Amino acid sequence: MRVSAAERAMNYAVLLVFALVVLWPLGTIVAKAFGPATVADGRAGAFHPENFASAWVEGRFNQYMLTSVLVAVVVVTVATIVSILAGYAFGTMRFRGSTALFYVFLLGIMVPTEAIIVPLFFDLREFGLTDTLWGVALPQIAQSTAFGTYWMRAYFRGVNVSIIEAARIDGATPRRILWQVLVPTGRPAITTMIVLFFMWTWNEFLIPLVMSPTGAFRTAPLGLALFQGQYTQGTALLAAGAVLVALPIVILYFFLQRHFIRGMLEGAVKE
């Protein structure tokens, strides 16, 4: 189908409008982060990069960011491995009760966190896991694994069966087929899943808030909320803190955007 120049120009105009709608709030926050913290500061100059240093120190983001990185690494690593294994089993194998067991995994997607957070807190407290890394990470691992199993099952079910059969004829074991044949070809889908896991874990607010009542494992979003209520009411420092919290996700997406988009388009649409 041939697209005329007028239609192409109209498409770009529509995309430009939507881009401005999306980027305008982000640009406003970034501009505010570099703006003067007070009216008196504005007289000396309009560009204030020291806001980030002030927000970093006053908001204790060094501690909160380190905690977020630690939690994200644990959640993403464990959830990715378990999701690949479970998705491979549900997508390529047939065994008794597989359908019912897969629907159990789907409950983790359908049940909201707010519905289970209170009984989950008491259960983890009985095991002495509250205010620990695993108390914050385990619920998020379970949630991520539920989605990851569905995601990877869809990918493995769309793999050409002849590839698996050829590997079996060559004497490859199921483990070797998974890690040396299917995982390399499924890199876009796996990369997309990793980015989603990291984004959800990094932005999670309720689980760290409830599972760490003393604040021993307070993550960056919690630190930003505390910074807003306790340390300052200056919008410039708050904007700088928001930029610091969002920056890791932006950097990760910037480096993995090609695989992420390819995975969204190809990795998990095969069923």
C-alpha atoms as a PDB file:
ATOM      1  CA  MET A   1       0.000   0.000   0.000  1.00  0.00           C
ATOM      2  CA  ARG A   2       1.434   3.336  -1.096  1.00  0.00           C
ATOM      3  CA  VAL A   3       1.106   6.259   1.302  1.00  0.00           C
ATOM      4  CA  SER A   4       0.862   9.748  -0.136  1.00  0.00           C
ATOM      5  CA  ALA A   5       2.955  12.659   1.091  1.00  0.00           C
ATOM      6  CA  ALA A   6      -0.098  14.308   2.664  1.00  0.00           C
ATOM      7  CA  GLU A   7      -0.974  11.160   4.614  1.00  0.00           C
ATOM      8  CA  ARG A   8       2.616  10.787   5.769  1.00  0.00           C
ATOM      9  CA  ALA A   9       2.704  14.394   6.921  1.00  0.00           C
ATOM     10  CA  MET A  10      -0.588  13.925   8.773  1.00  0.00           C
ATOM     11  CA  ASN A  11       0.785  10.803  10.501  1.00  0.00           C
ATOM     12  CA  TYR A  12       3.873  12.665  11.655  1.00  0.00           C
ATOM     13  CA  ALA A  13       1.739  15.557  12.876  1.00  0.00           C
ATOM     14  CA  VAL A  14      -0.454  13.242  14.953  1.00  0.00           C
ATOM     15  CA  LEU A  15       2.619  11.493  16.393  1.00  0.00           C
ATOM     16  CA  LEU A  16       4.179  14.852  17.205  1.00  0.00           C
ATOM     17  CA  VAL A  17       1.073  15.963  19.085  1.00  0.00           C
ATOM     18  CA  PHE A  18       0.977  12.779  21.143  1.00  0.00           C
ATOM     19  CA  ALA A  19       4.732  13.032  21.800  1.00  0.00           C
ATOM     20  CA  LEU A  20       4.297  16.564  23.110  1.00  0.00           C
ATOM     21  CA  VAL A  21       1.403  15.464  25.332  1.00  0.00           C
ATOM     22  CA  VAL A  22       3.559  12.719  26.845  1.00  0.00           C
ATOM     23  CA  LEU A  23       6.861  14.604  27.062  1.00  0.00           C
ATOM     24  CA  TRP A  24       5.545  17.933  28.312  1.00  0.00           C
ATOM     25  CA  PRO A  25       4.997  16.804  31.950  1.00  0.00           C
ATOM     26  CA  LEU A  26       8.389  15.063  31.947  1.00  0.00           C
ATOM     27  CA  GLY A  27      10.097  18.127  30.553  1.00  0.00           C
ATOM     28  CA  THR A  28       8.391  20.276  33.174  1.00  0.00           C
ATOM     29  CA  ILE A  29       9.744  18.099  35.993  1.00  0.00           C
ATOM     30  CA  VAL A  30      13.275  18.109  34.566  1.00  0.00           C
ATOM     31  CA  ALA A  31      13.182  21.888  34.077  1.00  0.00           C
ATOM     32  CA  LYS A  32      11.906  22.340  37.619  1.00  0.00           C
ATOM     33  CA  ALA A  33      14.708  20.116  38.946  1.00  0.00           C
ATOM     34  CA  PHE A  34      17.268  22.541  37.505  1.00  0.00           C
ATOM     35  CA  GLY A  35      15.330  25.610  38.606  1.00  0.00           C
ATOM     36  CA  PRO A  36      15.888  27.779  41.678  1.00  0.00           C
ATOM     37  CA  ALA A  37      14.911  26.276  45.022  1.00  0.00           C
ATOM     38  CA  THR A  38      13.791  29.672  46.304  1.00  0.00           C
ATOM     39  CA  VAL A  39      12.983  33.067  44.890  1.00  0.00           C
ATOM     40  CA  ALA A  40      16.269  34.431  46.239  1.00  0.00           C
ATOM     41  CA  ASP A  41      18.199  31.740  44.377  1.00  0.00           C
ATOM     42  CA  GLY A  42      16.413  32.657  41.173  1.00  0.00           C
ATOM     43  CA  ARG A  43      18.039  36.068  41.164  1.00  0.00           C
ATOM     44  CA  ALA A  44      21.504  34.520  40.974  1.00  0.00           C
ATOM     45  CA  GLY A  45      20.746  32.294  38.001  1.00  0.00           C
ATOM     46  CA  ALA A  46      18.139  29.998  36.517  1.00  0.00           C
ATOM     47  CA  PHE A  47      20.302  26.868  36.246  1.00  0.00           C
ATOM     48  CA  HIS A  48      20.903  25.015  39.509  1.00  0.00           C
ATOM     49  CA  PRO A  49      22.395  21.516  39.082  1.00  0.00           C
ATOM     50  CA  GLU A  50      23.302  21.551  42.768  1.00  0.00           C
ATOM     51  CA  ASN A  51      19.670  20.663  43.465  1.00  0.00           C
ATOM     52  CA  PHE A  52      20.511  17.040  42.714  1.00  0.00           C
ATOM     53  CA  ALA A  53      23.362  16.976  45.212  1.00  0.00           C
ATOM     54  CA  SER A  54      21.166  18.606  47.847  1.00  0.00           C
ATOM     55  CA  ALA A  55      18.324  16.169  47.222  1.00  0.00           C
ATOM     56  CA  TRP A  56      20.748  13.217  47.262  1.00  0.00           C
ATOM     57  CA  VAL A  57      22.151  14.190  50.655  1.00  0.00           C
ATOM     58  CA  GLU A  58      19.046  15.527  52.392  1.00  0.00           C
ATOM     59  CA  GLY A  59      16.801  12.747  51.123  1.00  0.00           C
ATOM     60  CA  ARG A  60      19.341   9.964  51.911  1.00  0.00           C
ATOM     61  CA  PHE A  61      18.872   8.598  48.410  1.00  0.00           C
ATOM     62  CA  ASN A  62      22.249   6.877  48.537  1.00  0.00           C
ATOM     63  CA  GLN A  63      20.836   4.408  51.061  1.00  0.00           C
ATOM     64  CA  TYR A  64      17.427   4.080  49.430  1.00  0.00           C
ATOM     65  CA  MET A  65      18.815   3.625  45.920  1.00  0.00           C
ATOM     66  CA  LEU A  66      21.198   0.933  47.133  1.00  0.00           C
ATOM     67  CA  THR A  67      18.292  -0.905  48.749  1.00  0.00           C
ATOM     68  CA  SER A  68      16.240  -0.621  45.556  1.00  0.00           C
ATOM     69  CA  VAL A  69      19.120  -1.949  43.473  1.00  0.00           C
ATOM     70  CA  LEU A  70      19.601  -4.895  45.837  1.00  0.00           C
ATOM     71  CA  VAL A  71      15.901  -5.772  45.851  1.00  0.00           C
ATOM     72  CA  ALA A  72      15.647  -5.367  42.062  1.00  0.00           C
ATOM     73  CA  VAL A  73      18.655  -7.605  41.410  1.00  0.00           C
ATOM     74  CA  VAL A  74      17.265 -10.373  43.621  1.00  0.00           C
ATOM     75  CA  VAL A  75      13.722 -10.145  42.248  1.00  0.00           C
ATOM     76  CA  VAL A  76      14.703  -9.893  38.585  1.00  0.00           C
ATOM     77  CA  THR A  77      17.292 -12.692  38.776  1.00  0.00           C
ATOM     78  CA  VAL A  78      15.115 -15.210  40.615  1.00  0.00           C
ATOM     79  CA  ALA A  79      11.900 -14.358  38.776  1.00  0.00           C
ATOM     80  CA  THR A  80      13.586 -14.542  35.362  1.00  0.00           C
ATOM     81  CA  ILE A  81      15.101 -17.977  35.974  1.00  0.00           C
ATOM     82  CA  VAL A  82      11.895 -19.402  37.444  1.00  0.00           C
ATOM     83  CA  SER A  83       9.764 -17.874  34.683  1.00  0.00           C
ATOM     84  CA  ILE A  84      11.942 -19.376  31.952  1.00  0.00           C
ATOM     85  CA  LEU A  85      11.824 -22.819  33.549  1.00  0.00           C
ATOM     86  CA  ALA A  86       8.073 -22.709  34.217  1.00  0.00           C
ATOM     87  CA  GLY A  87       7.282 -21.233  30.808  1.00  0.00           C
ATOM     88  CA  TYR A  88       9.365 -23.935  29.134  1.00  0.00           C
ATOM     89  CA  ALA A  89       7.503 -26.651  31.018  1.00  0.00           C
ATOM     90  CA  PHE A  90       4.042 -25.261  30.264  1.00  0.00           C
ATOM     91  CA  GLY A  91       4.892 -24.315  26.681  1.00  0.00           C
ATOM     92  CA  THR A  92       6.623 -27.449  25.399  1.00  0.00           C
ATOM     93  CA  MET A  93       5.570 -30.286  27.708  1.00  0.00           C
ATOM     94  CA  ARG A  94       2.273 -32.042  28.318  1.00  0.00           C
ATOM     95  CA  PHE A  95       1.726 -33.552  31.749  1.00  0.00           C
ATOM     96  CA  ARG A  96      -1.216 -34.311  34.006  1.00  0.00           C
ATOM     97  CA  GLY A  97      -2.692 -31.235  35.644  1.00  0.00           C
ATOM     98  CA  SER A  98      -0.675 -28.786  33.547  1.00  0.00           C
ATOM     99  CA  THR A  99      -3.706 -26.682  32.620  1.00  0.00           C
ATOM    100  CA  ALA A 100      -4.997 -26.427  36.186  1.00  0.00           C
ATOM    101  CA  LEU A 101      -1.519 -25.626  37.492  1.00  0.00           C
ATOM    102  CA  PHE A 102      -1.081 -22.926  34.865  1.00  0.00           C
ATOM    103  CA  TYR A 103      -4.316 -21.275  35.979  1.00  0.00           C
ATOM    104  CA  VAL A 104      -2.935 -21.242  39.519  1.00  0.00           C
ATOM    105  CA  PHE A 105       0.000 -19.229  38.196  1.00  0.00           C
ATOM    106  CA  LEU A 106      -2.434 -16.848  36.525  1.00  0.00           C
ATOM    107  CA  LEU A 107      -3.998 -16.065  39.898  1.00  0.00           C
ATOM    108  CA  GLY A 108      -0.879 -14.070  40.657  1.00  0.00           C
ATOM    109  CA  ILE A 109      -1.780 -11.747  37.786  1.00  0.00           C
ATOM    110  CA  MET A 110      -5.487 -11.465  38.519  1.00  0.00           C
ATOM    111  CA  VAL A 111      -5.359 -10.958  42.307  1.00  0.00           C
ATOM    112  CA  PRO A 112      -4.341  -7.387  43.247  1.00  0.00           C
ATOM    113  CA  THR A 113      -1.670  -6.773  45.854  1.00  0.00           C
ATOM    114  CA  GLU A 114      -4.076  -4.817  48.057  1.00  0.00           C
ATOM    115  CA  ALA A 115      -6.218  -7.925  48.520  1.00  0.00           C
ATOM    116  CA  ILE A 116      -3.445 -10.098  49.975  1.00  0.00           C
ATOM    117  CA  ILE A 117      -0.972  -7.677  51.526  1.00  0.00           C
ATOM    118  CA  VAL A 118      -2.371  -7.817  55.085  1.00  0.00           C
ATOM    119  CA  PRO A 119      -2.523 -11.626  55.512  1.00  0.00           C
ATOM    120  CA  LEU A 120       0.796 -11.888  53.683  1.00  0.00           C
ATOM    121  CA  PHE A 121       2.369  -9.516  56.208  1.00  0.00           C
ATOM    122  CA  PHE A 122       1.263 -11.673  59.155  1.00  0.00           C
ATOM    123  CA  ASP A 123       2.453 -14.853  57.417  1.00  0.00           C
ATOM    124  CA  LEU A 124       5.904 -13.419  56.759  1.00  0.00           C
ATOM    125  CA  ARG A 125       6.070 -12.001  60.267  1.00  0.00           C
ATOM    126  CA  GLU A 126       5.507 -15.505  61.657  1.00  0.00           C
ATOM    127  CA  PHE A 127       8.600 -16.643  59.780  1.00  0.00           C
ATOM    128  CA  GLY A 128      10.605 -13.619  60.907  1.00  0.00           C
ATOM    129  CA  LEU A 129      10.961 -12.239  57.376  1.00  0.00           C
ATOM    130  CA  THR A 130       9.557  -8.757  57.877  1.00  0.00           C
ATOM    131  CA  ASP A 131      12.142  -5.966  57.819  1.00  0.00           C
ATOM    132  CA  THR A 132      14.429  -8.216  55.782  1.00  0.00           C
ATOM    133  CA  LEU A 133      15.469  -8.374  52.159  1.00  0.00           C
ATOM    134  CA  TRP A 134      13.473 -11.538  51.540  1.00  0.00           C
ATOM    135  CA  GLY A 135      10.376 -10.105  53.150  1.00  0.00           C
ATOM    136  CA  VAL A 136      10.393  -7.345  50.541  1.00  0.00           C
ATOM    137  CA  ALA A 137      11.631  -9.484  47.634  1.00  0.00           C
ATOM    138  CA  LEU A 138       9.639 -12.726  47.935  1.00  0.00           C
ATOM    139  CA  PRO A 139       6.149 -11.249  47.303  1.00  0.00           C
ATOM    140  CA  GLN A 140       7.491  -9.399  44.277  1.00  0.00           C
ATOM    141  CA  ILE A 141       9.210 -12.556  43.015  1.00  0.00           C
ATOM    142  CA  ALA A 142       5.873 -14.374  43.209  1.00  0.00           C
ATOM    143  CA  GLN A 143       4.047 -11.613  41.338  1.00  0.00           C
ATOM    144  CA  SER A 144       6.705 -11.319  38.660  1.00  0.00           C
ATOM    145  CA  THR A 145       6.903 -15.093  38.219  1.00  0.00           C
ATOM    146  CA  ALA A 146       3.149 -15.270  37.619  1.00  0.00           C
ATOM    147  CA  PHE A 147       3.402 -12.847  34.709  1.00  0.00           C
ATOM    148  CA  GLY A 148       6.741 -14.238  33.523  1.00  0.00           C
ATOM    149  CA  THR A 149       5.369 -17.773  33.312  1.00  0.00           C
ATOM    150  CA  TYR A 150       2.504 -16.575  31.147  1.00  0.00           C
ATOM    151  CA  TRP A 151       4.875 -14.490  29.022  1.00  0.00           C
ATOM    152  CA  MET A 152       7.438 -17.242  28.433  1.00  0.00           C
ATOM    153  CA  ARG A 153       4.774 -19.912  27.894  1.00  0.00           C
ATOM    154  CA  ALA A 154       3.376 -17.817  25.054  1.00  0.00           C
ATOM    155  CA  TYR A 155       6.853 -17.545  23.538  1.00  0.00           C
ATOM    156  CA  PHE A 156       7.718 -21.238  23.852  1.00  0.00           C
ATOM    157  CA  ARG A 157       4.375 -22.283  22.384  1.00  0.00           C
ATOM    158  CA  GLY A 158       5.147 -20.164  19.329  1.00  0.00           C
ATOM    159  CA  VAL A 159       8.563 -21.712  18.702  1.00  0.00           C
ATOM    160  CA  ASN A 160       8.847 -23.799  15.544  1.00  0.00           C
ATOM    161  CA  VAL A 161       8.489 -27.420  16.632  1.00  0.00           C
ATOM    162  CA  SER A 162      10.961 -28.558  13.980  1.00  0.00           C
ATOM    163  CA  ILE A 163      13.746 -26.757  15.828  1.00  0.00           C
ATOM    164  CA  ILE A 164      13.062 -28.729  18.998  1.00  0.00           C
ATOM    165  CA  GLU A 165      12.703 -32.000  17.076  1.00  0.00           C
ATOM    166  CA  ALA A 166      15.984 -31.432  15.260  1.00  0.00           C
ATOM    167  CA  ALA A 167      17.750 -30.818  18.560  1.00  0.00           C
ATOM    168  CA  ARG A 168      16.273 -34.007  20.001  1.00  0.00           C
ATOM    169  CA  ILE A 169      17.408 -36.015  16.998  1.00  0.00           C
ATOM    170  CA  ASP A 170      20.922 -34.674  17.539  1.00  0.00           C
ATOM    171  CA  GLY A 171      20.773 -36.059  21.076  1.00  0.00           C
ATOM    172  CA  ALA A 172      20.186 -32.833  23.001  1.00  0.00           C
ATOM    173  CA  THR A 173      18.613 -33.171  26.426  1.00  0.00           C
ATOM    174  CA  PRO A 174      15.613 -30.996  27.428  1.00  0.00           C
ATOM    175  CA  ARG A 175      17.952 -28.855  29.527  1.00  0.00           C
ATOM    176  CA  ARG A 176      20.315 -28.314  26.617  1.00  0.00           C
ATOM    177  CA  ILE A 177      17.430 -27.549  24.249  1.00  0.00           C
ATOM    178  CA  LEU A 178      16.217 -24.868  26.639  1.00  0.00           C
ATOM    179  CA  TRP A 179      19.481 -23.083  27.436  1.00  0.00           C
ATOM    180  CA  GLN A 180      21.402 -23.539  24.179  1.00  0.00           C
ATOM    181  CA  VAL A 181      18.633 -23.473  21.565  1.00  0.00           C
ATOM    182  CA  LEU A 182      15.490 -21.726  22.790  1.00  0.00           C
ATOM    183  CA  VAL A 183      16.866 -19.116  25.198  1.00  0.00           C
ATOM    184  CA  PRO A 184      19.302 -17.551  22.670  1.00  0.00           C
ATOM    185  CA  THR A 185      16.552 -17.264  20.042  1.00  0.00           C
ATOM    186  CA  GLY A 186      14.164 -15.869  22.647  1.00  0.00           C
ATOM    187  CA  ARG A 187      16.450 -13.034  23.733  1.00  0.00           C
ATOM    188  CA  PRO A 188      14.002 -10.250  22.727  1.00  0.00           C
ATOM    189  CA  ALA A 189      11.159 -11.779  24.735  1.00  0.00           C
ATOM    190  CA  ILE A 190      13.415 -12.427  27.732  1.00  0.00           C
ATOM    191  CA  THR A 191      14.909  -8.935  27.570  1.00  0.00           C
ATOM    192  CA  THR A 192      11.442  -7.382  27.483  1.00  0.00           C
ATOM    193  CA  MET A 193      10.444  -9.472  30.487  1.00  0.00           C
ATOM    194  CA  ILE A 194      13.560  -8.397  32.406  1.00  0.00           C
ATOM    195  CA  VAL A 195      12.875  -4.723  31.716  1.00  0.00           C
ATOM    196  CA  LEU A 196       9.283  -5.101  32.897  1.00  0.00           C
ATOM    197  CA  PHE A 197      10.397  -6.942  36.034  1.00  0.00           C
ATOM    198  CA  PHE A 198      12.922  -4.246  36.853  1.00  0.00           C
ATOM    199  CA  MET A 199      10.453  -1.445  36.224  1.00  0.00           C
ATOM    200  CA  TRP A 200       7.741  -3.026  38.406  1.00  0.00           C
ATOM    201  CA  THR A 201      10.164  -3.861  41.196  1.00  0.00           C
ATOM    202  CA  TRP A 202      11.803  -0.438  41.157  1.00  0.00           C
ATOM    203  CA  ASN A 203       8.455   1.388  41.259  1.00  0.00           C
ATOM    204  CA  GLU A 204       6.815  -0.884  43.850  1.00  0.00           C
ATOM    205  CA  PHE A 205       5.559   1.136  46.793  1.00  0.00           C
ATOM    206  CA  LEU A 206       3.045  -0.878  48.824  1.00  0.00           C
ATOM    207  CA  ILE A 207       5.026  -4.073  49.449  1.00  0.00           C
ATOM    208  CA  PRO A 208       8.193  -2.380  50.814  1.00  0.00           C
ATOM    209  CA  LEU A 209       6.022  -0.046  52.867  1.00  0.00           C
ATOM    210  CA  VAL A 210       4.121  -2.881  54.569  1.00  0.00           C
ATOM    211  CA  MET A 211       6.836  -5.536  54.737  1.00  0.00           C
ATOM    212  CA  SER A 212       9.384  -3.167  56.273  1.00  0.00           C
ATOM    213  CA  PRO A 213       7.433  -1.316  58.980  1.00  0.00           C
ATOM    214  CA  THR A 214      10.567   0.011  60.685  1.00  0.00           C
ATOM    215  CA  GLY A 215      12.005   1.312  57.409  1.00  0.00           C
ATOM    216  CA  ALA A 216      15.046  -0.970  57.504  1.00  0.00           C
ATOM    217  CA  PHE A 217      14.560  -1.804  53.813  1.00  0.00           C
ATOM    218  CA  ARG A 218      13.039   1.416  52.553  1.00  0.00           C
ATOM    219  CA  THR A 219      13.292   1.668  48.765  1.00  0.00           C
ATOM    220  CA  ALA A 220      13.697   4.739  46.553  1.00  0.00           C
ATOM    221  CA  PRO A 221       9.966   5.437  45.968  1.00  0.00           C
ATOM    222  CA  LEU A 222       9.388   5.275  49.722  1.00  0.00           C
ATOM    223  CA  GLY A 223      12.364   7.553  50.262  1.00  0.00           C
ATOM    224  CA  LEU A 224      10.905  10.048  47.801  1.00  0.00           C
ATOM    225  CA  ALA A 225       7.584  10.077  49.645  1.00  0.00           C
ATOM    226  CA  LEU A 226       9.387  10.548  52.961  1.00  0.00           C
ATOM    227  CA  PHE A 227      11.514  13.301  51.430  1.00  0.00           C
ATOM    228  CA  GLN A 228       8.388  15.142  50.365  1.00  0.00           C
ATOM    229  CA  GLY A 229       6.738  14.988  53.762  1.00  0.00           C
ATOM    230  CA  GLN A 230       9.657  15.323  56.155  1.00  0.00           C
ATOM    231  CA  TYR A 231      12.634  17.086  54.643  1.00  0.00           C
ATOM    232  CA  THR A 232      11.453  19.821  52.348  1.00  0.00           C
ATOM    233  CA  GLN A 233       8.524  21.422  50.644  1.00  0.00           C
ATOM    234  CA  GLY A 234      10.640  22.932  47.887  1.00  0.00           C
ATOM    235  CA  THR A 235       9.384  21.782  44.515  1.00  0.00           C
ATOM    236  CA  ALA A 236      12.830  22.063  42.904  1.00  0.00           C
ATOM    237  CA  LEU A 237      14.413  19.557  45.307  1.00  0.00           C
ATOM    238  CA  LEU A 238      11.383  17.277  45.041  1.00  0.00           C
ATOM    239  CA  ALA A 239      11.661  17.357  41.253  1.00  0.00           C
ATOM    240  CA  ALA A 240      15.371  16.585  41.512  1.00  0.00           C
ATOM    241  CA  GLY A 241      14.597  13.636  43.781  1.00  0.00           C
ATOM    242  CA  ALA A 242      11.953  12.375  41.341  1.00  0.00           C
ATOM    243  CA  VAL A 243      14.464  12.556  38.488  1.00  0.00           C
ATOM    244  CA  LEU A 244      17.022  10.613  40.535  1.00  0.00           C
ATOM    245  CA  VAL A 245      14.490   7.878  41.289  1.00  0.00           C
ATOM    246  CA  ALA A 246      13.354   7.587  37.670  1.00  0.00           C
ATOM    247  CA  LEU A 247      16.825   7.761  36.120  1.00  0.00           C
ATOM    248  CA  PRO A 248      17.797   4.049  36.460  1.00  0.00           C
ATOM    249  CA  ILE A 249      14.709   2.941  34.540  1.00  0.00           C
ATOM    250  CA  VAL A 250      15.388   5.488  31.800  1.00  0.00           C
ATOM    251  CA  ILE A 251      19.010   4.348  31.492  1.00  0.00           C
ATOM    252  CA  LEU A 252      18.040   0.663  31.369  1.00  0.00           C
ATOM    253  CA  TYR A 253      15.413   1.271  28.717  1.00  0.00           C
ATOM    254  CA  PHE A 254      17.803   3.435  26.695  1.00  0.00           C
ATOM    255  CA  PHE A 255      20.324   0.596  26.383  1.00  0.00           C
ATOM    256  CA  LEU A 256      17.755  -2.189  25.872  1.00  0.00           C
ATOM    257  CA  GLN A 257      15.105  -0.357  23.863  1.00  0.00           C
ATOM    258  CA  ARG A 258      15.825  -2.272  20.637  1.00  0.00           C
ATOM    259  CA  HIS A 259      15.350  -5.652  22.305  1.00  0.00           C
ATOM    260  CA  PHE A 260      12.425  -4.344  24.341  1.00  0.00           C
ATOM    261  CA  ILE A 261      10.459  -3.133  21.310  1.00  0.00           C
ATOM    262  CA  ARG A 262      11.291  -6.263  19.340  1.00  0.00           C
ATOM    263  CA  GLY A 263      10.146  -8.424  22.226  1.00  0.00           C
ATOM    264  CA  MET A 264       6.896  -6.495  22.570  1.00  0.00           C
ATOM    265  CA  LEU A 265       6.191  -6.996  18.875  1.00  0.00           C
ATOM    266  CA  GLU A 266       7.430 -10.544  18.421  1.00  0.00           C
ATOM    267  CA  GLY A 267       8.475 -12.220  21.622  1.00  0.00           C
ATOM    268  CA  ALA A 268       5.138 -12.860  23.273  1.00  0.00           C
ATOM    269  CA  VAL A 269       2.477 -12.465  20.627  1.00  0.00           C
ATOM    270  CA  LYS A 270       2.747 -16.042  19.401  1.00  0.00           C
ATOM    271  CA  GLU A 271       0.182 -18.295  20.986  1.00  0.00           C
END
